[in-house]
Amino acid sequence: MKHPNRNRFLETDAGLILKVLVLAAVLSVAIKYMGPSLAIPATPTNALIAVFSPTLLMSLALAWRGWQQR
């Protein structure tokens, strides 16, 4: 049996993929054109923050989600 709202485009798998692609494109354009206006110095500390912050944020989000499901 299918879900009653499955015909709505943005709730399907294709809609989710389209939303992610559009968000990625907007983020890419924002970084390309607005990124150089940010005065972030190229230091080892800033590089480490840029590399490790996504992993840290994802691990915190997953840990919180796991804690919520207990």
Protein backbone atom coordinates (compact mmCIF):
# COMPACT_ATOMS: atom_id res chain seq x y z
CA MET A 1 0.00 0.00 0.00
CA LYS A 2 1.37 3.38 -0.99
CA HIS A 3 1.54 6.39 1.23
CA PRO A 4 -1.36 8.80 0.43
CA ASN A 5 0.94 11.81 -0.07
CA ARG A 6 3.52 9.89 -2.15
CA ASN A 7 2.40 11.72 -5.31
CA ARG A 8 3.69 15.02 -4.00
CA PHE A 9 6.98 15.64 -5.82
CA LEU A 10 9.01 17.20 -3.03
CA GLU A 11 8.26 14.31 -0.69
CA THR A 12 9.63 11.66 -3.04
CA ASP A 13 13.20 10.49 -3.36
CA ALA A 14 13.61 12.48 -6.57
CA GLY A 15 12.38 15.59 -4.79
CA LEU A 16 14.87 15.08 -1.98
CA ILE A 17 17.72 14.68 -4.48
CA LEU A 18 16.59 17.81 -6.31
CA LYS A 19 16.47 19.80 -3.06
CA VAL A 20 19.98 18.66 -2.12
CA LEU A 21 21.34 19.52 -5.58
CA VAL A 22 19.77 23.00 -5.50
CA LEU A 23 21.10 23.65 -1.99
CA ALA A 24 24.58 22.49 -3.06
CA ALA A 25 24.50 24.77 -6.12
CA VAL A 26 23.40 27.78 -4.06
CA LEU A 27 26.10 27.09 -1.48
CA SER A 28 28.71 26.69 -4.22
CA VAL A 29 27.78 30.02 -5.83
CA ALA A 30 27.79 31.73 -2.43
CA ILE A 31 31.26 30.40 -1.65
CA LYS A 32 32.59 31.32 -5.10
CA TYR A 33 31.33 34.89 -5.18
CA MET A 34 30.99 35.89 -1.53
CA GLY A 35 33.79 33.80 -0.04
CA PRO A 36 36.67 36.04 -1.16
CA SER A 37 35.09 38.99 0.64
CA LEU A 38 35.55 37.17 3.96
CA ALA A 39 38.90 38.07 5.48
CA ILE A 40 39.86 34.63 6.80
CA PRO A 41 43.64 34.28 7.04
CA ALA A 42 45.23 31.09 5.74
CA THR A 43 46.60 29.71 9.02
CA PRO A 44 47.04 26.12 10.18
CA THR A 45 44.43 26.69 12.89
CA ASN A 46 41.81 27.82 10.39
CA ALA A 47 42.63 24.84 8.14
CA LEU A 48 42.16 22.43 11.04
CA ILE A 49 38.86 24.06 11.94
CA ALA A 50 37.67 23.75 8.34
CA VAL A 51 38.70 20.10 8.14
CA PHE A 52 37.46 18.86 11.51
CA SER A 53 34.31 20.92 12.09
CA PRO A 54 32.02 18.92 9.73
CA THR A 55 33.10 15.65 11.35
CA LEU A 56 32.68 17.07 14.83
CA LEU A 57 29.25 18.51 14.06
CA MET A 58 28.05 15.25 12.51
CA SER A 59 29.33 13.18 15.43
CA LEU A 60 27.60 15.52 17.89
CA ALA A 61 24.35 15.35 15.91
CA LEU A 62 24.46 11.54 15.77
CA ALA A 63 25.32 11.27 19.45
CA TRP A 64 22.42 13.57 20.35
CA ARG A 65 20.07 11.58 18.12
CA GLY A 66 21.21 8.33 19.74
CA TRP A 67 20.70 9.82 23.16
CA GLN A 68 17.19 10.96 22.21
CA GLN A 69 16.22 7.44 21.06
CA ARG A 70 17.05 5.82 24.40
